[in-house]
Amino acid sequence: MDKIDPNIAQQFFKAVLSLKTEQECRSFFEDVCTIKEFQDLAQRLQVAFLLDEGKNYQEISKITSVSSATISRVNRCLVYGDGGYRTVIGRLRKEGDNNG
C-alpha cells in the first residue's frame, strides 16, 4: 500500500478531531466513506472489542460475519500496533462504566 502524504493525513486527522458531536461525526463519515467502507471500519472496531473480551476467531466470525483474515489483521494491530485500538477500547469502556 502506498503511503499517504503526511500533510493530507494531518488535515484528515484534524478534521476528525474538529467534530464535536456524534451527529457531526456521523455526517462527516457518511460524506467521506461509502457505506461499505464505513461498515468495514465499524466492524473492525467491533472485532477489536470482541478480541479484547477474549472471544476466539470462530466466535467473532459467527457474531460479525467478518473473515478470519480481517480478525487476524485486527488482532495483529491489537498486539503489535501503535495502540490505537487499545486507546479507544479503554476510553469507551471507561465511558461505559461511568454511564452505567
N, C-alpha and C. Protein backbone atom coordinates (compact mmCIF):
# COMPACT_ATOMS: atom_id res chain seq x y z
N MET A 1 0.85 -1.19 0.00
CA MET A 1 0.00 0.00 0.00
C MET A 1 0.89 1.24 0.00
N ASP A 2 0.54 2.19 -0.82
CA ASP A 2 1.29 3.44 -0.87
C ASP A 2 1.04 4.24 0.39
N LYS A 3 2.08 4.94 0.82
CA LYS A 3 1.94 5.82 1.99
C LYS A 3 1.21 7.08 1.59
N ILE A 4 0.41 7.59 2.49
CA ILE A 4 -0.31 8.83 2.23
C ILE A 4 0.59 10.01 2.58
N ASP A 5 0.42 11.09 1.86
CA ASP A 5 1.16 12.31 2.13
C ASP A 5 0.89 12.75 3.57
N PRO A 6 1.94 12.99 4.38
CA PRO A 6 1.73 13.36 5.79
C PRO A 6 0.86 14.60 5.97
N ASN A 7 0.95 15.55 5.05
CA ASN A 7 0.13 16.76 5.16
C ASN A 7 -1.35 16.45 4.95
N ILE A 8 -1.63 15.54 4.03
CA ILE A 8 -3.02 15.14 3.79
C ILE A 8 -3.55 14.37 4.99
N ALA A 9 -2.73 13.48 5.53
CA ALA A 9 -3.14 12.72 6.72
C ALA A 9 -3.39 13.67 7.88
N GLN A 10 -2.51 14.63 8.08
CA GLN A 10 -2.67 15.59 9.18
C GLN A 10 -3.98 16.36 9.03
N GLN A 11 -4.28 16.78 7.80
CA GLN A 11 -5.53 17.51 7.56
C GLN A 11 -6.73 16.64 7.90
N PHE A 12 -6.68 15.37 7.52
CA PHE A 12 -7.79 14.46 7.82
C PHE A 12 -7.94 14.27 9.33
N PHE A 13 -6.84 14.03 10.03
CA PHE A 13 -6.90 13.84 11.48
C PHE A 13 -7.44 15.09 12.18
N LYS A 14 -7.01 16.25 11.73
CA LYS A 14 -7.52 17.50 12.31
C LYS A 14 -9.01 17.65 12.04
N ALA A 15 -9.43 17.24 10.86
CA ALA A 15 -10.87 17.29 10.53
C ALA A 15 -11.66 16.41 11.49
N VAL A 16 -11.19 15.20 11.73
CA VAL A 16 -11.88 14.28 12.65
C VAL A 16 -11.89 14.87 14.06
N LEU A 17 -10.76 15.40 14.50
CA LEU A 17 -10.68 15.97 15.84
C LEU A 17 -11.54 17.22 16.00
N SER A 18 -11.89 17.86 14.90
CA SER A 18 -12.72 19.07 14.98
C SER A 18 -14.20 18.76 15.21
N LEU A 19 -14.60 17.51 15.00
CA LEU A 19 -16.00 17.13 15.16
C LEU A 19 -16.39 17.16 16.63
N LYS A 20 -17.53 17.76 16.92
CA LYS A 20 -17.91 17.98 18.32
C LYS A 20 -19.01 17.04 18.82
N THR A 21 -19.85 16.56 17.93
CA THR A 21 -20.97 15.73 18.36
C THR A 21 -21.00 14.43 17.57
N GLU A 22 -21.76 13.49 18.09
CA GLU A 22 -21.92 12.22 17.36
C GLU A 22 -22.60 12.47 16.01
N GLN A 23 -23.54 13.39 15.97
CA GLN A 23 -24.22 13.70 14.70
C GLN A 23 -23.24 14.30 13.69
N GLU A 24 -22.36 15.19 14.12
CA GLU A 24 -21.34 15.74 13.22
C GLU A 24 -20.44 14.63 12.70
N CYS A 25 -20.08 13.73 13.58
CA CYS A 25 -19.22 12.60 13.20
C CYS A 25 -19.94 11.71 12.19
N ARG A 26 -21.18 11.40 12.46
CA ARG A 26 -21.97 10.57 11.55
C ARG A 26 -22.06 11.23 10.17
N SER A 27 -22.37 12.52 10.15
CA SER A 27 -22.50 13.24 8.88
C SER A 27 -21.19 13.25 8.11
N PHE A 28 -20.09 13.50 8.81
CA PHE A 28 -18.78 13.53 8.16
C PHE A 28 -18.45 12.18 7.53
N PHE A 29 -18.58 11.11 8.31
CA PHE A 29 -18.22 9.80 7.79
C PHE A 29 -19.18 9.32 6.71
N GLU A 30 -20.44 9.73 6.78
CA GLU A 30 -21.37 9.39 5.70
C GLU A 30 -20.97 10.08 4.40
N ASP A 31 -20.41 11.29 4.52
CA ASP A 31 -19.94 12.01 3.34
C ASP A 31 -18.61 11.46 2.83
N VAL A 32 -17.72 11.10 3.73
CA VAL A 32 -16.35 10.70 3.38
C VAL A 32 -16.27 9.25 2.91
N CYS A 33 -17.05 8.38 3.51
CA CYS A 33 -16.95 6.93 3.25
C CYS A 33 -18.15 6.42 2.47
N THR A 34 -17.90 5.38 1.70
CA THR A 34 -19.03 4.63 1.15
C THR A 34 -19.64 3.83 2.30
N ILE A 35 -20.84 3.33 2.09
CA ILE A 35 -21.47 2.50 3.12
C ILE A 35 -20.58 1.32 3.47
N LYS A 36 -20.01 0.67 2.45
CA LYS A 36 -19.14 -0.49 2.67
C LYS A 36 -17.90 -0.11 3.46
N GLU A 37 -17.28 1.01 3.12
CA GLU A 37 -16.09 1.46 3.86
C GLU A 37 -16.42 1.71 5.33
N PHE A 38 -17.55 2.37 5.57
CA PHE A 38 -17.94 2.63 6.94
C PHE A 38 -18.24 1.33 7.69
N GLN A 39 -18.94 0.41 7.03
CA GLN A 39 -19.23 -0.89 7.65
C GLN A 39 -17.93 -1.60 8.01
N ASP A 40 -16.96 -1.57 7.12
CA ASP A 40 -15.67 -2.22 7.37
C ASP A 40 -14.98 -1.61 8.59
N LEU A 41 -14.97 -0.29 8.67
CA LEU A 41 -14.33 0.38 9.81
C LEU A 41 -15.04 0.02 11.11
N ALA A 42 -16.36 0.10 11.10
CA ALA A 42 -17.13 -0.19 12.30
C ALA A 42 -16.97 -1.65 12.72
N GLN A 43 -16.94 -2.56 11.73
CA GLN A 43 -16.77 -3.98 12.06
C GLN A 43 -15.39 -4.25 12.66
N ARG A 44 -14.37 -3.58 12.15
CA ARG A 44 -13.02 -3.79 12.71
C ARG A 44 -12.98 -3.38 14.18
N LEU A 45 -13.65 -2.29 14.51
CA LEU A 45 -13.69 -1.87 15.90
C LEU A 45 -14.46 -2.89 16.74
N GLN A 46 -15.56 -3.40 16.20
CA GLN A 46 -16.32 -4.43 16.90
C GLN A 46 -15.45 -5.67 17.14
N VAL A 47 -14.69 -6.06 16.13
CA VAL A 47 -13.79 -7.20 16.26
C VAL A 47 -12.75 -6.94 17.35
N ALA A 48 -12.21 -5.73 17.39
CA ALA A 48 -11.22 -5.38 18.42
C ALA A 48 -11.82 -5.52 19.81
N PHE A 49 -13.05 -5.04 20.00
CA PHE A 49 -13.71 -5.19 21.29
C PHE A 49 -13.89 -6.66 21.65
N LEU A 50 -14.32 -7.48 20.69
CA LEU A 50 -14.55 -8.90 20.94
C LEU A 50 -13.25 -9.62 21.26
N LEU A 51 -12.18 -9.29 20.54
CA LEU A 51 -10.87 -9.88 20.86
C LEU A 51 -10.43 -9.48 22.26
N ASP A 52 -10.64 -8.23 22.60
CA ASP A 52 -10.27 -7.74 23.92
C ASP A 52 -11.05 -8.45 25.03
N GLU A 53 -12.26 -8.89 24.70
CA GLU A 53 -13.08 -9.64 25.65
C GLU A 53 -12.67 -11.11 25.74
N GLY A 54 -11.73 -11.53 24.89
CA GLY A 54 -11.25 -12.91 24.93
C GLY A 54 -11.97 -13.87 24.01
N LYS A 55 -12.81 -13.35 23.14
CA LYS A 55 -13.51 -14.23 22.19
C LYS A 55 -12.51 -14.79 21.18
N ASN A 56 -12.77 -16.02 20.72
CA ASN A 56 -11.89 -16.62 19.71
C ASN A 56 -12.37 -16.28 18.30
N TYR A 57 -11.54 -16.59 17.32
CA TYR A 57 -11.84 -16.22 15.93
C TYR A 57 -13.18 -16.77 15.47
N GLN A 58 -13.47 -18.02 15.81
CA GLN A 58 -14.71 -18.64 15.36
C GLN A 58 -15.92 -17.92 15.96
N GLU A 59 -15.86 -17.59 17.24
CA GLU A 59 -16.96 -16.86 17.87
C GLU A 59 -17.15 -15.49 17.21
N ILE A 60 -16.04 -14.81 16.97
CA ILE A 60 -16.10 -13.47 16.38
C ILE A 60 -16.67 -13.53 14.97
N SER A 61 -16.23 -14.51 14.19
CA SER A 61 -16.73 -14.65 12.83
C SER A 61 -18.23 -14.92 12.83
N LYS A 62 -18.69 -15.73 13.77
CA LYS A 62 -20.12 -16.03 13.86
C LYS A 62 -20.92 -14.79 14.24
N ILE A 63 -20.39 -13.99 15.18
CA ILE A 63 -21.08 -12.78 15.64
C ILE A 63 -21.10 -11.70 14.56
N THR A 64 -19.97 -11.54 13.86
CA THR A 64 -19.80 -10.38 12.98
C THR A 64 -19.86 -10.69 11.49
N SER A 65 -19.73 -11.94 11.12
CA SER A 65 -19.61 -12.36 9.72
C SER A 65 -18.35 -11.83 9.05
N VAL A 66 -17.35 -11.47 9.84
CA VAL A 66 -16.07 -10.98 9.34
C VAL A 66 -15.16 -12.17 9.06
N SER A 67 -14.33 -12.06 8.03
CA SER A 67 -13.43 -13.15 7.67
C SER A 67 -12.33 -13.32 8.73
N SER A 68 -11.76 -14.51 8.76
CA SER A 68 -10.66 -14.77 9.69
C SER A 68 -9.45 -13.90 9.34
N ALA A 69 -9.28 -13.55 8.08
CA ALA A 69 -8.17 -12.67 7.68
C ALA A 69 -8.32 -11.29 8.31
N THR A 70 -9.54 -10.76 8.33
CA THR A 70 -9.78 -9.45 8.96
C THR A 70 -9.59 -9.55 10.47
N ILE A 71 -10.09 -10.62 11.07
CA ILE A 71 -9.92 -10.81 12.51
C ILE A 71 -8.43 -10.88 12.84
N SER A 72 -7.68 -11.61 12.04
CA SER A 72 -6.24 -11.74 12.24
C SER A 72 -5.55 -10.39 12.13
N ARG A 73 -5.94 -9.59 11.16
CA ARG A 73 -5.33 -8.27 10.97
C ARG A 73 -5.60 -7.38 12.19
N VAL A 74 -6.84 -7.39 12.66
CA VAL A 74 -7.18 -6.58 13.84
C VAL A 74 -6.40 -7.09 15.05
N ASN A 75 -6.30 -8.40 15.19
CA ASN A 75 -5.55 -8.96 16.31
C ASN A 75 -4.08 -8.54 16.26
N ARG A 76 -3.48 -8.56 15.06
CA ARG A 76 -2.09 -8.10 14.93
C ARG A 76 -1.95 -6.65 15.37
N CYS A 77 -2.92 -5.84 15.00
CA CYS A 77 -2.89 -4.43 15.41
C CYS A 77 -3.02 -4.29 16.93
N LEU A 78 -3.87 -5.11 17.53
CA LEU A 78 -4.02 -5.07 18.98
C LEU A 78 -2.72 -5.47 19.68
N VAL A 79 -2.05 -6.46 19.13
CA VAL A 79 -0.84 -6.99 19.77
C VAL A 79 0.40 -6.18 19.42
N TYR A 80 0.57 -5.83 18.15
CA TYR A 80 1.81 -5.22 17.68
C TYR A 80 1.66 -3.79 17.15
N GLY A 81 0.43 -3.27 17.11
CA GLY A 81 0.18 -1.97 16.51
C GLY A 81 0.61 -0.80 17.37
N ASP A 82 0.18 0.37 16.98
CA ASP A 82 0.55 1.61 17.66
C ASP A 82 -0.31 1.92 18.88
N GLY A 83 -1.27 1.07 19.19
CA GLY A 83 -2.09 1.27 20.39
C GLY A 83 -3.39 2.01 20.15
N GLY A 84 -3.72 2.26 18.89
CA GLY A 84 -4.95 2.98 18.58
C GLY A 84 -6.20 2.28 19.07
N TYR A 85 -6.30 0.99 18.76
CA TYR A 85 -7.46 0.24 19.23
C TYR A 85 -7.50 0.23 20.76
N ARG A 86 -6.37 -0.01 21.39
CA ARG A 86 -6.32 -0.08 22.85
C ARG A 86 -6.76 1.23 23.49
N THR A 87 -6.34 2.34 22.91
CA THR A 87 -6.73 3.65 23.42
C THR A 87 -8.25 3.81 23.36
N VAL A 88 -8.81 3.53 22.20
CA VAL A 88 -10.26 3.70 22.01
C VAL A 88 -11.04 2.73 22.88
N ILE A 89 -10.62 1.48 22.91
CA ILE A 89 -11.32 0.49 23.73
C ILE A 89 -11.30 0.91 25.20
N GLY A 90 -10.15 1.30 25.68
CA GLY A 90 -10.04 1.73 27.08
C GLY A 90 -10.93 2.91 27.39
N ARG A 91 -10.91 3.90 26.53
CA ARG A 91 -11.73 5.10 26.77
C ARG A 91 -13.21 4.80 26.68
N LEU A 92 -13.62 4.01 25.69
CA LEU A 92 -15.04 3.70 25.56
C LEU A 92 -15.53 2.80 26.69
N ARG A 93 -14.70 1.88 27.13
CA ARG A 93 -15.09 1.03 28.27
C ARG A 93 -15.21 1.89 29.54
N LYS A 94 -14.28 2.79 29.73
CA LYS A 94 -14.32 3.68 30.91
C LYS A 94 -15.57 4.55 30.85
N GLU A 95 -15.86 5.10 29.68
CA GLU A 95 -17.05 5.92 29.48
C GLU A 95 -18.31 5.11 29.78
N GLY A 96 -18.32 3.86 29.34
CA GLY A 96 -19.45 2.97 29.61
C GLY A 96 -19.61 2.72 31.08
N ASP A 97 -18.48 2.56 31.80
CA ASP A 97 -18.53 2.34 33.25
C ASP A 97 -19.10 3.57 33.95
N ASN A 98 -18.77 4.75 33.45
CA ASN A 98 -19.26 5.99 34.06
C ASN A 98 -20.73 6.23 33.78
N ASN A 99 -21.21 5.69 32.67
CA ASN A 99 -22.60 5.91 32.28
C ASN A 99 -23.52 4.78 32.73
N GLY A 100 -22.95 3.68 33.22
CA GLY A 100 -23.78 2.51 33.51
C GLY A 100 -24.01 2.25 34.89
